[in-house]
Protein backbone atom coordinates (compact mmCIF):
# COMPACT_ATOMS: atom_id res chain seq x y z
CA UNK A 1 -0.03 -0.02 0.02
CA UNK A 2 1.49 3.33 -1.06
CA UNK A 3 0.33 6.12 1.29
CA UNK A 4 2.02 8.96 -0.45
CA UNK A 5 -0.72 9.51 -3.08
CA UNK A 6 -3.33 9.37 -0.22
CA UNK A 7 -1.54 12.07 1.81
CA UNK A 8 -0.44 14.18 -1.15
CA UNK A 9 -1.80 13.43 -4.61
CA UNK A 10 1.14 14.99 -6.39
CA UNK A 11 3.83 13.87 -3.95
CA UNK A 12 6.97 12.42 -5.32
CA UNK A 13 6.76 14.31 -8.60
CA UNK A 14 9.79 16.40 -9.31
CA UNK A 15 9.54 20.10 -9.96
CA UNK A 16 11.94 22.30 -11.80
CA UNK A 17 13.76 23.25 -8.64
CA UNK A 18 13.12 20.33 -6.22
CA UNK A 19 13.79 16.60 -6.57
CA UNK A 20 10.91 14.26 -5.53
CA UNK A 21 12.09 13.43 -2.00
CA UNK A 22 12.77 17.06 -1.09
CA UNK A 23 9.33 18.10 -2.44
CA UNK A 24 7.63 15.41 -0.43
CA UNK A 25 9.41 16.29 2.82
CA UNK A 26 8.43 19.95 2.21
CA UNK A 27 4.83 18.98 1.69
CA UNK A 28 4.83 17.05 4.95
CA UNK A 29 6.28 19.95 6.81
CA UNK A 30 3.74 22.25 5.25
CA UNK A 31 0.81 20.08 6.31
CA UNK A 32 2.16 19.72 9.87
CA UNK A 33 2.71 23.53 9.98
CA UNK A 34 -0.94 24.07 9.05
CA UNK A 35 -2.06 21.72 11.84
CA UNK A 36 0.28 23.38 14.29
CA UNK A 37 -0.96 26.76 13.33
CA UNK A 38 -4.47 25.75 14.55
CA UNK A 39 -3.35 24.60 17.98
CA UNK A 40 -4.59 27.75 19.79
CA UNK A 41 -7.89 28.14 18.05
CA UNK A 42 -9.13 29.24 14.67
CA UNK A 43 -6.77 31.22 12.46
CA UNK A 44 -8.53 34.63 11.82
CA UNK A 45 -9.46 35.33 8.20
CA UNK A 46 -6.58 37.02 6.27
CA UNK A 47 -3.99 35.69 8.69
CA UNK A 48 -1.49 32.88 8.12
CA UNK A 49 -0.23 31.03 11.13
CA UNK A 50 2.21 28.13 11.12
CA UNK A 51 3.90 26.20 13.87
CA UNK A 52 6.16 23.21 13.13
CA UNK A 53 9.07 21.07 13.97
CA UNK A 54 11.82 21.72 11.35
CA UNK A 55 14.26 19.18 12.69
CA UNK A 56 15.16 17.39 15.90
CA UNK A 57 16.26 20.63 17.62
CA UNK A 58 14.32 23.40 15.87
CA UNK A 59 10.71 24.63 16.18
CA UNK A 60 9.24 27.48 14.16
CA UNK A 61 6.30 29.82 14.78
CA UNK A 62 5.37 32.05 11.89
CA UNK A 63 2.46 34.48 11.41
CA UNK A 64 1.54 36.80 8.55
CA UNK A 65 -1.22 39.40 8.41
CA UNK A 66 -2.24 42.74 6.96
CA UNK A 67 -2.44 45.73 9.24
CA UNK A 68 -3.44 49.17 7.98
CA UNK A 69 -2.81 48.02 4.45
CA UNK A 70 0.71 46.80 5.22
CA UNK A 71 1.87 43.23 5.11
CA UNK A 72 3.26 42.07 8.47
CA UNK A 73 5.07 38.93 9.43
CA UNK A 74 6.82 37.52 12.56
CA UNK A 75 8.92 34.41 12.57
CA UNK A 76 10.27 32.96 15.87
CA UNK A 77 12.62 30.06 15.78
CA UNK A 78 13.18 28.03 18.95
CA UNK A 79 16.44 26.02 19.14
CA UNK A 80 16.56 23.27 21.73
CA UNK A 81 19.97 22.78 23.12
CA UNK A 82 21.34 20.72 26.10
CA UNK A 83 21.56 23.91 28.28
CA UNK A 84 18.07 25.14 27.47
CA UNK A 85 15.96 26.66 24.72
CA UNK A 86 17.01 29.75 22.83
CA UNK A 87 14.79 31.77 20.57
CA UNK A 88 15.55 34.11 17.67
CA UNK A 89 12.87 36.38 16.28
CA UNK A 90 13.02 38.00 12.89
CA UNK A 91 16.80 37.85 12.60
CA UNK A 92 17.51 39.37 16.00
CA UNK A 93 19.82 38.04 18.64
CA UNK A 94 19.32 34.80 20.64
CA UNK A 95 17.45 35.01 23.84
CA UNK A 96 16.81 32.51 26.59
CA UNK A 97 13.21 31.61 27.20
CA UNK A 98 11.58 32.58 30.47
CA UNK A 99 10.34 29.82 32.60
CA UNK A 100 6.71 30.63 31.57
CA UNK A 101 7.58 30.80 27.88
CA UNK A 102 9.47 27.47 28.11
CA UNK A 103 6.43 25.85 29.77
CA UNK A 104 4.14 27.24 26.99
CA UNK A 105 6.47 26.01 24.24
CA UNK A 106 6.59 22.54 25.87
CA UNK A 107 2.76 22.45 25.99
CA UNK A 108 2.59 23.58 22.32
CA UNK A 109 5.04 20.80 21.25
CA UNK A 110 3.00 18.20 23.11
CA UNK A 111 -0.23 19.37 21.46
CA UNK A 112 1.48 19.41 18.12
CA UNK A 113 2.75 15.90 18.42
CA UNK A 114 -0.67 14.66 19.52
CA UNK A 115 -2.59 16.38 16.74
CA UNK A 116 -0.13 15.54 13.96
CA UNK A 117 -0.09 11.97 15.15
CA UNK A 118 -3.86 11.76 15.09
CA UNK A 119 -3.95 13.29 11.59
CA UNK A 120 -1.43 10.64 10.29
CA UNK A 121 -3.44 7.90 12.01
CA UNK A 122 -6.64 9.13 10.36
CA UNK A 123 -4.91 9.07 6.98
CA UNK A 124 -3.60 5.56 7.61
CA UNK A 125 -7.01 4.29 8.57
CA UNK A 126 -8.64 5.66 5.40
CA UNK A 127 -5.83 4.44 3.16
């Protein structure tokens, strides 16, 4: 049973700038980011919100919206290191997370893993 067409109908097809495997991985990350963006309630109309696990040590929160006719965006990257979690926002310097922010990030990652896991289970059951 090949699940790739069930998850992404065009997965595995090469594009001009991406080989098939890279394209599929990007599609998975994109889908997981959409799921993660809904963790804290509905995303308001006209707003894009993404939250995802980029790799074993990196989480990303990204939002885009229009305010007073201007496009706005904020990207926060969380890097999990042995000595703690650091964040970098919009190219600024690294900052350590406060205890409260670390607890919130931990809860968000737990919710993310649960919801993404349920989505994959649902897809497997309907395959």
